[in-house]
Amino acid sequence: MKDMHAGVAWSGQRHRPGGRPGRHLAASLVGLTVLISGCAGSGGAASPGALHQTATRPGPEPSATPSAVPSAKEPSHQAPGLPAPDAAIPKDPSRLADSLTGTAAQLRRAIDDWVRDGGPTKADPPEPVVLLALHEQRIYRYLARNPQVASRTYDRLPKDLAGRARDNVTAVRNLLSLARPVSGPVKFRVRPPEPANVLLDDFRRAERRFGVEWEVLAAVMFVETKFGRVRSPSYTGAQGPMQFMPGTWAAYGMGGDVHDTKDALLAAANYLHASGAPRDYRRALYAYNHSKAYVDAVLLHARQMKRDIRNYYGYYNWQVFVITTRGERRLTGP
């Protein structure tokens, strides 16, 4: 697991179970955009209206065991035609559109090969999928921070890709809007996610039990912990791949283990169902985290997975980033 001595925090309004407004503190933002630690409930008995925690200032450094964790084995010889992990992102909209178009097409083919060969049942995705997904992720992160470039780039993309790019860039930008860099020492404990098809089975199992669409559960886990890559607790005590506070876990965890992925996904589906899903996903997700930007981002990612399951496999290979006062750092991947 890698130690990272910096993170980002964000602030927002939460309500206590009794309905009284109050501010809670949580931890850091990592991953695609933001790790909203402490999201699933506050301390004490939880209810569907109980909110999650947000950060208004850096907290004390959580304990972590250092250990390097790439999401796939770093190759000694990179295959030709694949982008390097830190390849420069073009700044010109025309070149950027060409780069995104080519990367997206290559990634689709690489995912098709991976799925056809049964790879998602194994731990390590193949090098082409990892490198292409990372490059696509980095392009979207750049566009999220440069809206004028993004607007000119969309006009140069094929129609289907332009829609996908808008959704991804908007989701990234929404979550980044909640973040502020911090310079205090914060350590993150990270590890490889469970195989993609193992997670997919878990999402679908939770959907069958509680009626919450698997794509929504996947999008929540994606935003919260990058499909379980981030394993650090928040400094307020939120834990596990779906970041539950103890009181909420006691109410919705059904006696399971907060660190177990299957148990955590069932609890999240239970909580979202009690909060209004599937009838009203916006209401349910707003209960999970009181932020319209968060709700919109989760639903945009879920929409992309509904449109093409290959988007799930692409997101699965997006890596963990942390925002510091010294810039952005990647914690996982090649």
Protein backbone atom coordinates (compact mmCIF):
# COMPACT_ATOMS: atom_id res chain seq x y z
CA MET A 1 0.00 0.00 0.00
CA LYS A 2 1.25 3.45 -0.86
CA ASP A 3 1.54 6.26 1.65
CA MET A 4 0.59 9.71 0.45
CA HIS A 5 1.27 12.61 2.77
CA ALA A 6 -1.32 14.95 1.35
CA GLY A 7 -4.92 14.99 0.25
CA VAL A 8 -7.88 17.21 -0.43
CA ALA A 9 -10.91 18.08 1.59
CA TRP A 10 -14.29 19.56 0.88
CA SER A 11 -17.04 21.16 2.86
CA GLY A 12 -20.79 20.95 2.81
CA GLN A 13 -23.99 20.87 4.84
CA ARG A 14 -25.23 17.74 6.58
CA HIS A 15 -28.20 17.02 8.82
CA ARG A 16 -28.23 14.99 11.97
CA PRO A 17 -30.71 12.10 12.35
CA GLY A 18 -33.13 14.27 14.29
CA GLY A 19 -33.36 16.70 11.42
CA ARG A 20 -31.26 19.44 13.02
CA PRO A 21 -28.74 20.90 10.61
CA GLY A 22 -25.14 20.43 11.53
CA ARG A 23 -21.67 20.17 10.02
CA HIS A 24 -19.73 16.95 10.09
CA LEU A 25 -16.09 16.35 9.30
CA ALA A 26 -14.72 13.70 7.01
CA ALA A 27 -11.51 12.92 5.21
CA SER A 28 -9.97 13.22 1.83
CA LEU A 29 -10.82 13.32 -1.85
CA VAL A 30 -9.00 10.96 -4.12
CA GLY A 31 -9.68 8.80 -7.13
CA LEU A 32 -11.35 10.04 -10.25
CA THR A 33 -12.20 13.21 -8.47
CA VAL A 34 -13.24 12.85 -4.92
CA LEU A 35 -13.27 10.25 -2.22
CA ILE A 36 -16.17 11.45 -0.10
CA SER A 37 -15.18 9.69 3.08
CA GLY A 38 -17.78 9.26 5.78
CA CYS A 39 -20.61 9.32 3.30
CA ALA A 40 -22.85 6.64 4.67
CA GLY A 41 -24.39 8.21 7.71
CA SER A 42 -23.43 9.94 10.90
CA GLY A 43 -22.81 8.59 14.34
CA GLY A 44 -25.71 7.17 16.28
CA ALA A 45 -28.82 5.48 14.95
CA ALA A 46 -29.25 6.26 11.31
CA SER A 47 -32.35 6.90 9.29
CA PRO A 48 -32.94 7.39 5.57
CA GLY A 49 -32.60 11.11 6.11
CA ALA A 50 -29.33 10.83 8.02
CA LEU A 51 -26.49 12.38 6.12
CA HIS A 52 -22.89 11.69 5.60
CA GLN A 53 -19.80 13.54 6.50
CA THR A 54 -17.89 16.21 4.66
CA ALA A 55 -14.58 17.79 5.39
CA THR A 56 -14.21 21.41 6.39
CA ARG A 57 -10.61 21.16 7.50
CA PRO A 58 -7.78 18.61 7.49
CA GLY A 59 -7.94 16.05 10.27
CA PRO A 60 -5.25 14.07 12.07
CA GLU A 61 -3.26 11.62 10.04
CA PRO A 62 -4.88 8.17 10.01
CA SER A 63 -2.72 5.16 10.54
CA ALA A 64 -1.70 3.27 7.43
CA THR A 65 0.58 0.44 6.51
CA PRO A 66 2.83 1.41 3.61
CA SER A 67 2.91 -0.94 0.66
CA ALA A 68 2.99 -0.22 -3.06
CA VAL A 69 -0.16 -1.27 -4.88
CA PRO A 70 -0.40 -0.94 -8.67
CA SER A 71 -3.71 -1.93 -10.27
CA ALA A 72 -1.83 -4.08 -12.73
CA LYS A 73 1.73 -5.32 -12.96
CA GLU A 74 3.96 -2.66 -14.43
CA PRO A 75 5.43 -4.00 -17.65
CA SER A 76 9.15 -4.02 -18.22
CA HIS A 77 8.62 -3.36 -21.95
CA GLN A 78 5.61 -1.31 -22.98
CA ALA A 79 3.83 -2.53 -26.08
CA PRO A 80 4.13 -0.20 -29.09
CA GLY A 81 1.19 2.06 -29.82
CA LEU A 82 0.11 2.38 -26.20
CA PRO A 83 0.28 5.69 -24.30
CA ALA A 84 2.85 5.94 -21.53
CA PRO A 85 1.37 6.35 -18.03
CA ASP A 86 2.41 10.02 -17.95
CA ALA A 87 2.18 10.83 -21.65
CA ALA A 88 1.60 14.51 -22.37
CA ILE A 89 -2.03 15.53 -22.88
CA PRO A 90 -2.46 17.71 -26.01
CA LYS A 91 -3.61 21.25 -25.31
CA ASP A 92 -4.94 22.06 -28.78
CA PRO A 93 -8.65 21.06 -29.13
CA SER A 94 -8.15 19.41 -32.52
CA ARG A 95 -5.22 17.31 -31.36
CA LEU A 96 -7.00 16.60 -28.09
CA ALA A 97 -10.10 15.39 -29.94
CA ASP A 98 -7.94 13.14 -32.14
CA SER A 99 -6.18 11.74 -29.08
CA LEU A 100 -9.43 11.05 -27.23
CA THR A 101 -11.07 9.51 -30.29
CA GLY A 102 -8.16 7.17 -30.91
CA THR A 103 -7.77 6.27 -27.23
CA ALA A 104 -11.48 5.55 -26.81
CA ALA A 105 -11.56 3.30 -29.89
CA GLN A 106 -8.45 1.40 -28.81
CA LEU A 107 -9.81 1.03 -25.30
CA ARG A 108 -13.11 -0.39 -26.57
CA ARG A 109 -11.25 -3.01 -28.62
CA ALA A 110 -8.95 -3.85 -25.71
CA ILE A 111 -11.94 -4.27 -23.37
CA ASP A 112 -13.69 -6.51 -25.91
CA ASP A 113 -10.60 -8.72 -26.09
CA TRP A 114 -10.30 -8.77 -22.29
CA VAL A 115 -13.95 -9.76 -21.79
CA ARG A 116 -13.90 -12.35 -24.60
CA ASP A 117 -10.88 -14.03 -23.02
CA GLY A 118 -12.53 -14.15 -19.59
CA GLY A 119 -10.02 -11.69 -18.16
CA PRO A 120 -12.38 -9.74 -15.85
CA THR A 121 -12.64 -12.83 -13.64
CA LYS A 122 -8.90 -12.50 -12.91
CA ALA A 123 -7.12 -10.04 -10.65
CA ASP A 124 -4.93 -8.13 -13.09
CA PRO A 125 -6.33 -6.39 -16.19
CA PRO A 126 -4.12 -6.54 -19.29
CA GLU A 127 -1.61 -3.77 -20.00
CA PRO A 128 -3.50 -2.26 -22.99
CA VAL A 129 -6.70 -1.82 -20.94
CA VAL A 130 -4.82 -0.29 -18.00
CA LEU A 131 -2.77 2.16 -20.04
CA LEU A 132 -5.59 3.24 -22.36
CA ALA A 133 -8.08 3.69 -19.51
CA LEU A 134 -5.55 5.75 -17.58
CA HIS A 135 -4.88 7.97 -20.60
CA GLU A 136 -8.60 8.47 -21.17
CA GLN A 137 -9.05 9.33 -17.49
CA ARG A 138 -6.24 11.88 -17.62
CA ILE A 139 -7.76 13.51 -20.72
CA TYR A 140 -11.10 13.88 -18.94
CA ARG A 141 -9.42 15.32 -15.87
CA TYR A 142 -7.64 17.88 -18.05
CA LEU A 143 -10.88 18.83 -19.82
CA ALA A 144 -12.68 19.15 -16.49
CA ARG A 145 -10.18 21.79 -15.43
CA ASN A 146 -10.25 23.59 -18.79
CA PRO A 147 -13.91 24.14 -19.75
CA GLN A 148 -13.20 26.37 -22.75
CA VAL A 149 -10.88 23.76 -24.25
CA ALA A 150 -13.47 21.10 -23.44
CA SER A 151 -16.21 22.98 -25.29
CA ARG A 152 -14.08 23.31 -28.41
CA THR A 153 -13.02 19.66 -28.16
CA TYR A 154 -16.61 18.33 -28.00
CA ASP A 155 -17.37 19.96 -31.37
CA ARG A 156 -14.58 17.92 -32.97
CA LEU A 157 -15.64 14.53 -31.57
CA PRO A 158 -17.97 11.93 -33.11
CA LYS A 159 -21.50 12.40 -31.77
CA ASP A 160 -21.56 9.34 -29.51
CA LEU A 161 -18.14 10.07 -28.04
CA ALA A 162 -19.01 13.74 -27.56
CA GLY A 163 -21.96 12.76 -25.37
CA ARG A 164 -19.85 10.34 -23.39
CA ALA A 165 -17.12 12.93 -22.95
CA ARG A 166 -19.58 15.56 -21.74
CA ASP A 167 -20.95 13.19 -19.11
CA ASN A 168 -17.52 12.18 -17.86
CA VAL A 169 -16.08 15.68 -17.87
CA THR A 170 -19.15 17.09 -16.11
CA ALA A 171 -18.98 14.39 -13.45
CA VAL A 172 -15.28 14.99 -12.85
CA ARG A 173 -15.79 18.76 -12.75
CA ASN A 174 -18.74 18.45 -10.33
CA LEU A 175 -16.72 16.46 -7.85
CA LEU A 176 -13.61 18.58 -8.22
CA SER A 177 -15.76 21.61 -7.45
CA LEU A 178 -16.22 20.20 -3.95
CA ALA A 179 -12.51 19.80 -3.33
CA ARG A 180 -9.85 22.01 -1.85
CA PRO A 181 -6.20 20.94 -1.62
CA VAL A 182 -4.70 20.44 1.80
CA SER A 183 -1.06 20.36 2.74
CA GLY A 184 -1.20 18.53 6.05
CA PRO A 185 0.12 14.99 6.35
CA VAL A 186 -2.49 12.42 5.33
CA LYS A 187 -1.74 8.80 4.51
CA PHE A 188 -3.83 6.70 2.18
CA ARG A 189 -3.96 2.94 2.31
CA VAL A 190 -4.68 1.49 -1.12
CA ARG A 191 -4.88 -1.99 -2.59
CA PRO A 192 -5.95 -3.65 -5.86
CA PRO A 193 -9.70 -3.99 -6.36
CA GLU A 194 -11.44 -7.32 -6.55
CA PRO A 195 -11.75 -8.68 -10.11
CA ALA A 196 -14.20 -6.72 -12.24
CA ASN A 197 -16.63 -9.58 -12.81
CA VAL A 198 -16.58 -10.55 -9.14
CA LEU A 199 -17.67 -7.01 -8.31
CA LEU A 200 -20.24 -7.11 -11.10
CA ASP A 201 -21.79 -10.23 -9.56
CA ASP A 202 -21.88 -8.48 -6.17
CA PHE A 203 -23.57 -5.38 -7.65
CA ARG A 204 -26.21 -7.54 -9.33
CA ARG A 205 -26.81 -9.56 -6.19
CA ALA A 206 -27.52 -6.36 -4.26
CA GLU A 207 -29.79 -5.16 -7.07
CA ARG A 208 -31.84 -8.35 -6.93
CA ARG A 209 -32.30 -8.06 -3.19
CA PHE A 210 -33.13 -4.36 -2.85
CA GLY A 211 -34.11 -3.22 -6.35
CA VAL A 212 -31.33 -0.63 -6.59
CA GLU A 213 -29.80 -0.68 -10.08
CA TRP A 214 -26.36 -2.20 -10.15
CA GLU A 215 -25.03 0.69 -12.21
CA VAL A 216 -25.97 3.15 -9.46
CA LEU A 217 -24.27 1.01 -6.82
CA ALA A 218 -21.21 0.73 -9.04
CA ALA A 219 -21.12 4.49 -9.57
CA VAL A 220 -21.30 5.13 -5.82
CA MET A 221 -18.46 2.71 -5.13
CA PHE A 222 -16.49 4.20 -8.01
CA VAL A 223 -16.74 7.71 -6.54
CA GLU A 224 -16.27 6.63 -2.93
CA THR A 225 -13.23 4.35 -3.09
CA LYS A 226 -12.41 3.66 -6.73
CA PHE A 227 -14.03 0.21 -6.56
CA GLY A 228 -12.39 -0.54 -3.21
CA ARG A 229 -8.87 0.59 -4.04
CA VAL A 230 -8.88 3.10 -1.19
CA ARG A 231 -8.99 1.33 2.15
CA SER A 232 -8.08 4.14 4.55
CA PRO A 233 -10.72 5.05 7.12
CA SER A 234 -11.74 8.67 7.29
CA TYR A 235 -10.42 10.50 10.32
CA THR A 236 -13.99 10.59 11.61
CA GLY A 237 -14.32 6.82 11.47
CA ALA A 238 -16.01 6.01 8.14
CA GLN A 239 -14.85 2.62 6.94
CA GLY A 240 -14.98 0.09 4.17
CA PRO A 241 -15.40 0.17 0.40
CA MET A 242 -18.67 2.12 0.68
CA GLN A 243 -17.45 4.38 3.54
CA PHE A 244 -20.00 3.75 6.30
CA MET A 245 -20.11 5.53 9.62
CA PRO A 246 -20.57 3.18 12.60
CA GLY A 247 -24.10 4.28 13.46
CA THR A 248 -25.33 3.91 9.91
CA TRP A 249 -23.65 0.54 9.60
CA ALA A 250 -25.36 -0.63 12.79
CA ALA A 251 -28.72 0.36 11.28
CA TYR A 252 -28.22 -0.91 7.73
CA GLY A 253 -25.30 -3.34 7.77
CA MET A 254 -27.50 -6.33 8.64
CA GLY A 255 -24.85 -7.82 10.90
CA GLY A 256 -22.21 -7.95 8.19
CA ASP A 257 -18.58 -6.85 8.04
CA VAL A 258 -18.16 -3.20 6.96
CA HIS A 259 -14.86 -4.12 5.23
CA ASP A 260 -16.37 -6.99 3.24
CA THR A 261 -17.35 -5.88 -0.26
CA LYS A 262 -20.44 -8.08 -0.53
CA ASP A 263 -21.73 -6.95 2.87
CA ALA A 264 -20.96 -3.29 2.17
CA LEU A 265 -22.77 -3.32 -1.17
CA LEU A 266 -25.84 -4.96 0.36
CA ALA A 267 -25.83 -2.34 3.11
CA ALA A 268 -25.51 0.50 0.60
CA ALA A 269 -28.41 -0.91 -1.42
CA ASN A 270 -30.40 -1.28 1.79
CA TYR A 271 -29.67 2.34 2.73
CA LEU A 272 -30.48 3.71 -0.72
CA HIS A 273 -33.70 1.68 -0.88
CA ALA A 274 -34.77 3.01 2.51
CA SER A 275 -33.96 6.51 1.26
CA GLY A 276 -36.18 6.32 -1.82
CA ALA A 277 -34.50 4.17 -4.48
CA PRO A 278 -35.40 2.97 -7.06
CA ARG A 279 -38.42 5.27 -7.17
CA ASP A 280 -36.37 8.42 -6.64
CA TYR A 281 -32.63 8.02 -7.13
CA ARG A 282 -31.93 11.69 -6.65
CA ARG A 283 -33.57 11.68 -3.24
CA ALA A 284 -31.80 8.47 -2.24
CA LEU A 285 -28.37 9.65 -3.35
CA TYR A 286 -28.90 13.03 -1.73
CA ALA A 287 -29.49 11.14 1.50
CA TYR A 288 -26.27 9.24 0.88
CA ASN A 289 -24.44 12.52 0.40
CA HIS A 290 -26.01 15.96 0.71
CA SER A 291 -24.49 17.44 -2.42
CA LYS A 292 -26.25 18.04 -5.72
CA ALA A 293 -22.87 17.88 -7.48
CA TYR A 294 -22.25 14.44 -5.96
CA VAL A 295 -25.71 13.20 -6.96
CA ASP A 296 -25.31 14.46 -10.52
CA ALA A 297 -21.86 12.88 -10.85
CA VAL A 298 -23.02 9.48 -9.63
CA LEU A 299 -26.00 9.52 -11.99
CA LEU A 300 -23.87 10.58 -14.97
CA HIS A 301 -21.46 7.70 -14.42
CA ALA A 302 -24.36 5.30 -13.88
CA ARG A 303 -25.95 6.48 -17.14
CA GLN A 304 -22.78 5.71 -19.06
CA MET A 305 -22.61 2.20 -17.61
CA LYS A 306 -26.25 1.62 -18.55
CA ARG A 307 -25.57 2.70 -22.12
CA ASP A 308 -22.59 0.40 -22.59
CA ILE A 309 -21.23 -2.07 -20.07
CA ARG A 310 -17.77 -1.46 -21.50
CA ASN A 311 -17.90 1.87 -19.69
CA TYR A 312 -18.02 -0.09 -16.43
CA TYR A 313 -14.86 -1.97 -17.39
CA GLY A 314 -13.23 1.31 -18.39
CA TYR A 315 -14.11 2.97 -15.07
CA TYR A 316 -12.86 -0.09 -13.25
CA ASN A 317 -9.40 0.71 -14.61
CA TRP A 318 -9.41 4.40 -13.66
CA GLN A 319 -6.79 5.09 -11.02
CA VAL A 320 -6.59 6.88 -7.68
CA PHE A 321 -5.39 10.47 -7.75
CA VAL A 322 -4.85 12.79 -4.80
CA ILE A 323 -4.88 16.58 -4.99
CA THR A 324 -2.24 18.36 -2.93
CA THR A 325 -1.06 21.94 -2.61
CA ARG A 326 1.93 20.83 -4.70
CA GLY A 327 -0.19 19.42 -7.48
CA GLU A 328 -1.94 16.21 -8.42
CA ARG A 329 -0.43 12.83 -7.67
CA ARG A 330 -1.42 9.37 -8.82
CA LEU A 331 -1.33 6.66 -6.14
CA THR A 332 -2.21 3.55 -8.12
CA GLY A 333 -1.59 2.10 -11.54
CA PRO A 334 1.51 1.71 -13.70
